[in-house]
C-alpha atoms as a PDB file:
ATOM      1  CA  MET A   1     -70.788 -12.906 119.376  1.00  0.00           C
ATOM      2  CA  VAL A   2     -68.235 -10.105 119.670  1.00  0.00           C
ATOM      3  CA  TYR A   3     -64.567 -10.939 118.392  1.00  0.00           C
ATOM      4  CA  THR A   4     -61.653  -8.854 119.604  1.00  0.00           C
ATOM      5  CA  ALA A   5     -58.720  -8.369 117.578  1.00  0.00           C
ATOM      6  CA  SER A   6     -55.470  -9.953 118.757  1.00  0.00           C
ATOM      7  CA  LEU A   7     -51.884  -9.509 117.880  1.00  0.00           C
ATOM      8  CA  MET A   8     -51.591 -12.819 116.711  1.00  0.00           C
ATOM      9  CA  GLY A   9     -54.456 -12.699 114.424  1.00  0.00           C
ATOM     10  CA  LEU A  10     -53.137  -9.730 112.686  1.00  0.00           C
ATOM     11  CA  LEU A  11     -49.440 -11.225 112.427  1.00  0.00           C
ATOM     12  CA  LYS A  12     -51.078 -14.163 110.591  1.00  0.00           C
ATOM     13  CA  THR A  13     -53.063 -12.238 108.421  1.00  0.00           C
ATOM     14  CA  VAL A  14     -50.243  -9.931 107.525  1.00  0.00           C
ATOM     15  CA  LEU A  15     -48.111 -13.351 107.187  1.00  0.00           C
ATOM     16  CA  ILE A  16     -50.639 -14.706 104.529  1.00  0.00           C
ATOM     17  CA  ILE A  17     -50.969 -11.696 102.559  1.00  0.00           C
ATOM     18  CA  LEU A  18     -46.803 -11.428 102.418  1.00  0.00           C
ATOM     19  CA  LEU A  19     -46.706 -15.279 101.328  1.00  0.00           C
ATOM     20  CA  VAL A  20     -49.424 -14.891  98.674  1.00  0.00           C
ATOM     21  CA  TYR A  21     -47.663 -11.766  97.377  1.00  0.00           C
ATOM     22  CA  PHE A  22     -44.439 -13.239  97.018  1.00  0.00           C
ATOM     23  CA  GLY A  23     -45.464 -16.577  95.596  1.00  0.00           C
ATOM     24  CA  LEU A  24     -47.336 -14.671  92.837  1.00  0.00           C
ATOM     25  CA  LYS A  25     -44.421 -12.741  92.123  1.00  0.00           C
ATOM     26  CA  ILE A  26     -42.080 -15.618  91.940  1.00  0.00           C
ATOM     27  CA  LEU A  27     -44.533 -17.708  90.055  1.00  0.00           C
ATOM     28  CA  SER A  28     -45.162 -14.858  87.511  1.00  0.00           C
ATOM     29  CA  ARG A  29     -41.467 -14.815  86.703  1.00  0.00           C
ATOM     30  CA  LEU A  30     -41.632 -18.321  85.954  1.00  0.00           C
ATOM     31  CA  PHE A  31     -44.449 -18.609  83.958  1.00  0.00           C
ATOM     32  CA  ALA A  32     -44.723 -15.034  82.274  1.00  0.00           C
ATOM     33  CA  PRO A  33     -42.051 -15.814  79.569  1.00  0.00           C
ATOM     34  CA  LEU A  34     -44.134 -19.164  78.541  1.00  0.00           C
ATOM     35  CA  LEU A  35     -47.247 -17.315  78.593  1.00  0.00           C
ATOM     36  CA  LEU A  36     -45.725 -14.505  76.500  1.00  0.00           C
ATOM     37  CA  ARG A  37     -44.233 -16.998  73.887  1.00  0.00           C
ATOM     38  CA  PHE A  38     -47.781 -18.626  73.759  1.00  0.00           C
ATOM     39  CA  VAL A  39     -49.590 -15.417  72.956  1.00  0.00           C
ATOM     40  CA  ALA A  40     -46.824 -14.164  70.309  1.00  0.00           C
ATOM     41  CA  LYS A  41     -47.132 -17.676  68.782  1.00  0.00           C
ATOM     42  CA  LYS A  42     -51.036 -17.386  68.640  1.00  0.00           C
ATOM     43  CA  ALA A  43     -50.772 -13.643  67.159  1.00  0.00           C
ATOM     44  CA  GLU A  44     -48.378 -14.905  64.373  1.00  0.00           C
ATOM     45  CA  GLN A  45     -50.487 -17.669  63.606  1.00  0.00           C
ATOM     46  CA  LYS A  46     -53.800 -15.065  63.261  1.00  0.00           C
ATOM     47  CA  PHE A  47     -51.861 -12.763  61.296  1.00  0.00           C
ATOM     48  CA  GLY A  48     -50.359 -15.332  58.952  1.00  0.00           C
ATOM     49  CA  GLU A  49     -53.769 -16.834  58.435  1.00  0.00           C
ATOM     50  CA  GLN A  50     -55.323 -13.098  57.734  1.00  0.00           C
ATOM     51  CA  PHE A  51     -52.849 -11.891  55.392  1.00  0.00           C
ATOM     52  CA  GLY A  52     -50.658 -14.831  53.916  1.00  0.00           C
ATOM     53  CA  GLY A  53     -52.974 -17.852  54.242  1.00  0.00           C
ATOM     54  CA  PHE A  54     -54.663 -17.213  50.793  1.00  0.00           C
ATOM     55  CA  LYS A  55     -51.515 -16.322  49.209  1.00  0.00           C
ATOM     56  CA  ASN A  56     -49.634 -19.458  50.412  1.00  0.00           C
ATOM     57  CA  GLN A  57     -52.184 -21.837  49.398  1.00  0.00           C
ATOM     58  CA  ALA A  58     -52.146 -20.254  45.830  1.00  0.00           C
ATOM     59  CA  ASN A  59     -48.310 -20.527  45.658  1.00  0.00           C
ATOM     60  CA  GLN A  60     -48.362 -24.253  46.913  1.00  0.00           C
ATOM     61  CA  LYS A  61     -50.819 -24.890  44.044  1.00  0.00           C
ATOM     62  CA  GLN A  62     -48.946 -23.137  41.694  1.00  0.00           C
ATOM     63  CA  GLU A  63     -45.628 -25.091  42.600  1.00  0.00           C
ATOM     64  CA  GLN A  64     -47.317 -28.542  42.386  1.00  0.00           C
ATOM     65  CA  GLN A  65     -48.283 -27.935  38.851  1.00  0.00           C
ATOM     66  CA  GLN A  66     -45.002 -26.605  37.692  1.00  0.00           C
ATOM     67  CA  LYS A  67     -42.614 -29.068  35.861  1.00  0.00           C
ATOM     68  CA  ALA A  68     -38.770 -28.774  36.409  1.00  0.00           C
ATOM     69  CA  GLY A  69     -37.152 -26.110  34.208  1.00  0.00           C
ATOM     70  CA  GLU A  70     -40.258 -24.539  33.394  1.00  0.00           C
ATOM     71  CA  THR A  71     -40.587 -20.618  32.971  1.00  0.00           C
ATOM     72  CA  VAL A  72     -43.501 -19.136  34.845  1.00  0.00           C
ATOM     73  CA  ILE A  73     -44.851 -15.855  34.871  1.00  0.00           C
ATOM     74  CA  ASP A  74     -46.639 -14.923  38.108  1.00  0.00           C
ATOM     75  CA  LYS A  75     -48.231 -11.557  36.698  1.00  0.00           C
ATOM     76  CA  MET A  76     -49.006 -10.522  33.192  1.00  0.00           C
ATOM     77  CA  PRO A  77     -48.939  -6.929  32.128  1.00  0.00           C
ATOM     78  CA  ASN A  78     -52.237  -5.172  31.652  1.00  0.00           C
ATOM     79  CA  GLN A  79     -52.873  -5.157  28.046  1.00  0.00           C
ATOM     80  CA  ASN A  80     -55.627  -2.265  27.804  1.00  0.00           C
ATOM     81  CA  LYS A  81     -53.122   0.233  28.454  1.00  0.00           C
ATOM     82  CA  SER A  82     -53.551   2.937  25.241  1.00  0.00           C
ATOM     83  CA  SER A  83     -52.084   6.579  24.797  1.00  0.00           C
ATOM     84  CA  ASN A  84     -54.482   9.105  24.568  1.00  0.00           C
ATOM     85  CA  GLY A  85     -53.439  11.183  21.006  1.00  0.00           C
ATOM     86  CA  LYS A  86     -55.337  14.260  22.607  1.00  0.00           C
ATOM     87  CA  VAL A  87     -52.830  14.887  25.251  1.00  0.00           C
ATOM     88  CA  GLY A  88     -51.148  17.793  23.310  1.00  0.00           C
ATOM     89  CA  GLU A  89     -47.574  18.357  21.854  1.00  0.00           C
ATOM     90  CA  TYR A  90     -44.255  18.270  23.961  1.00  0.00           C
ATOM     91  CA  ILE A  91     -42.397  21.457  24.032  1.00  0.00           C
ATOM     92  CA  ASP A  92     -38.766  21.123  25.296  1.00  0.00           C
ATOM     93  CA  TYR A  93     -37.598  24.228  27.035  1.00  0.00           C
ATOM     94  CA  GLU A  94     -34.431  25.553  28.809  1.00  0.00           C
ATOM     95  CA  GLU A  95     -34.233  27.541  31.755  1.00  0.00           C
ATOM     96  CA  VAL A  96     -32.944  30.809  31.772  1.00  0.00           C
ATOM     97  CA  ASP A  97     -30.828  32.102  34.698  1.00  0.00           C
END
């Protein structure tokens, strides 16, 4: 069977293509903000889990154990810092112009 192209078939095809194009364009304007909001929320959750998840859990445990009015030191300074006596002597100098 041999089909021949007709003007009505061509117009229907062009009309369907245009309707699909404009339909997708309108739907993308409606749903793109929702999709972007969803993606941003998921990225924020992953970022929070990756960088702040462990820290937040540790802080929550410490806050539960603290009593009202209690002083808490989060970080203790390193005690094994010692000065080296073989560094040399300090010489004070003046710049000469």
